[in-house]
């Protein structure tokens, strides 16, 4: 008989899905935006962005942060799967 998935695994799956969704949105946003040609343009562009707060550091571009979040989400999904298998 199949037992229900433990609550901890469900929480890990939810966090994983959130990381992947945010990571995918950041990656797409980084791919569609035209990158500035000069580093000084980064500083000038910050004053003209529509957002009042920055999501990323200048050292880590949006698309790289998005890929990191996608990777973290996949690792969490695998961990949740292993956790649920181990409980059975």
Protein backbone atom coordinates (compact mmCIF):
# COMPACT_ATOMS: atom_id res chain seq x y z
CA UNK A 1 0.00 0.00 0.00
CA UNK A 2 1.32 3.44 -0.88
CA UNK A 3 1.86 5.72 2.04
CA UNK A 4 1.29 9.47 1.66
CA UNK A 5 4.32 11.65 1.04
CA UNK A 6 5.74 12.97 4.33
CA UNK A 7 5.04 16.60 5.12
CA UNK A 8 8.75 17.46 5.06
CA UNK A 9 9.06 16.14 1.53
CA UNK A 10 6.07 18.24 0.49
CA UNK A 11 7.70 21.36 1.94
CA UNK A 12 10.95 20.56 0.12
CA UNK A 13 9.04 20.10 -3.14
CA UNK A 14 7.30 23.44 -2.64
CA UNK A 15 10.59 25.25 -1.95
CA UNK A 16 12.15 23.51 -4.93
CA UNK A 17 9.33 24.59 -7.24
CA UNK A 18 9.57 28.17 -5.98
CA UNK A 19 13.34 28.28 -6.56
CA UNK A 20 12.97 26.90 -10.07
CA UNK A 21 10.15 29.32 -10.95
CA UNK A 22 12.02 32.40 -9.68
CA UNK A 23 15.24 31.17 -11.28
CA UNK A 24 13.52 30.68 -14.63
CA UNK A 25 12.00 34.16 -14.48
CA UNK A 26 15.35 35.73 -13.64
CA UNK A 27 17.08 33.77 -16.38
CA UNK A 28 14.51 34.85 -18.98
CA UNK A 29 14.71 38.44 -17.77
CA UNK A 30 18.50 38.35 -18.05
CA UNK A 31 18.34 36.87 -21.54
CA UNK A 32 15.81 39.35 -22.91
CA UNK A 33 17.36 42.53 -21.50
CA UNK A 34 20.05 44.23 -23.54
CA UNK A 35 23.27 44.19 -21.52
CA UNK A 36 25.12 47.48 -21.15
CA UNK A 37 28.25 47.78 -23.25
CA UNK A 38 30.46 49.36 -20.58
CA UNK A 39 30.69 48.64 -16.85
CA UNK A 40 29.89 52.28 -16.11
CA UNK A 41 26.57 51.73 -17.85
CA UNK A 42 25.61 49.33 -15.06
CA UNK A 43 25.84 52.16 -12.56
CA UNK A 44 23.93 54.55 -14.78
CA UNK A 45 21.28 51.93 -15.56
CA UNK A 46 20.54 51.40 -11.87
CA UNK A 47 19.13 54.90 -11.63
CA UNK A 48 16.71 54.28 -14.50
CA UNK A 49 15.35 50.86 -13.61
CA UNK A 50 11.64 50.60 -12.91
CA UNK A 51 12.29 48.63 -9.72
CA UNK A 52 13.16 50.41 -6.50
CA UNK A 53 15.33 47.51 -5.32
CA UNK A 54 17.90 45.33 -7.02
CA UNK A 55 17.54 41.56 -6.95
CA UNK A 56 21.10 40.76 -7.87
CA UNK A 57 24.62 41.89 -7.17
CA UNK A 58 26.64 43.58 -9.90
CA UNK A 59 29.10 40.67 -9.59
CA UNK A 60 26.37 38.09 -10.42
CA UNK A 61 24.23 38.83 -13.49
CA UNK A 62 20.52 37.96 -13.44
CA UNK A 63 20.85 35.02 -15.81
CA UNK A 64 23.60 33.44 -13.67
CA UNK A 65 21.56 33.94 -10.49
CA UNK A 66 18.61 32.37 -12.29
CA UNK A 67 20.70 29.34 -13.22
CA UNK A 68 21.93 29.04 -9.62
CA UNK A 69 18.34 29.07 -8.36
CA UNK A 70 17.28 26.48 -10.94
CA UNK A 71 20.18 24.25 -9.88
CA UNK A 72 19.30 24.71 -6.20
CA UNK A 73 15.68 23.84 -6.95
CA UNK A 74 16.69 20.66 -8.76
CA UNK A 75 18.98 19.63 -5.90
CA UNK A 76 16.13 20.20 -3.42
CA UNK A 77 13.75 18.16 -5.59
CA UNK A 78 16.21 15.26 -5.66
CA UNK A 79 16.69 15.55 -1.89
CA UNK A 80 12.92 15.52 -1.36
CA UNK A 81 12.60 12.46 -3.59
CA UNK A 82 15.36 10.63 -1.71
CA UNK A 83 13.78 11.64 1.59
CA UNK A 84 10.37 10.30 0.55
CA UNK A 85 11.88 7.02 -0.76
CA UNK A 86 13.88 6.52 2.40
CA UNK A 87 10.74 6.90 4.54
CA UNK A 88 8.92 4.11 2.64
